[in-house]
């Protein structure tokens, strides 16, 4: 119906505008920290970032978009959790000391860890 078409068009326009606003705000902050001499390249960088987002989103809006989303979601979630756990273990060992924690684990555990 006409109302559904109007709603879809407005949603696409609003989403594109919000994406542009977010890119522009991010790039404004970066150009501000880089200094005022780089202002000439700002429109090109904004356009390039927007085009990268467009090309990246076309993959998900194509006919097989849900398959790509499922594949990327699977790998990002699994490996992100694994890397997060490893980084947490490294942070705990760094802050509280590896040997001290290993002795505590050995004291409480049936398995002994030796380094």
Foldseek 3Di string as FASTA:
>chain_A
DVVVVVVVVVVVVVVLVVVLVVLLVVLVVVDVVVDDVCVVCSVVVSVVVSVVVVVVVVCLVDPCNVVVVVVVVVVCVVVVVVVVVVVVVVVCCVPVNVVVVLVVCCVPDPDHDDD
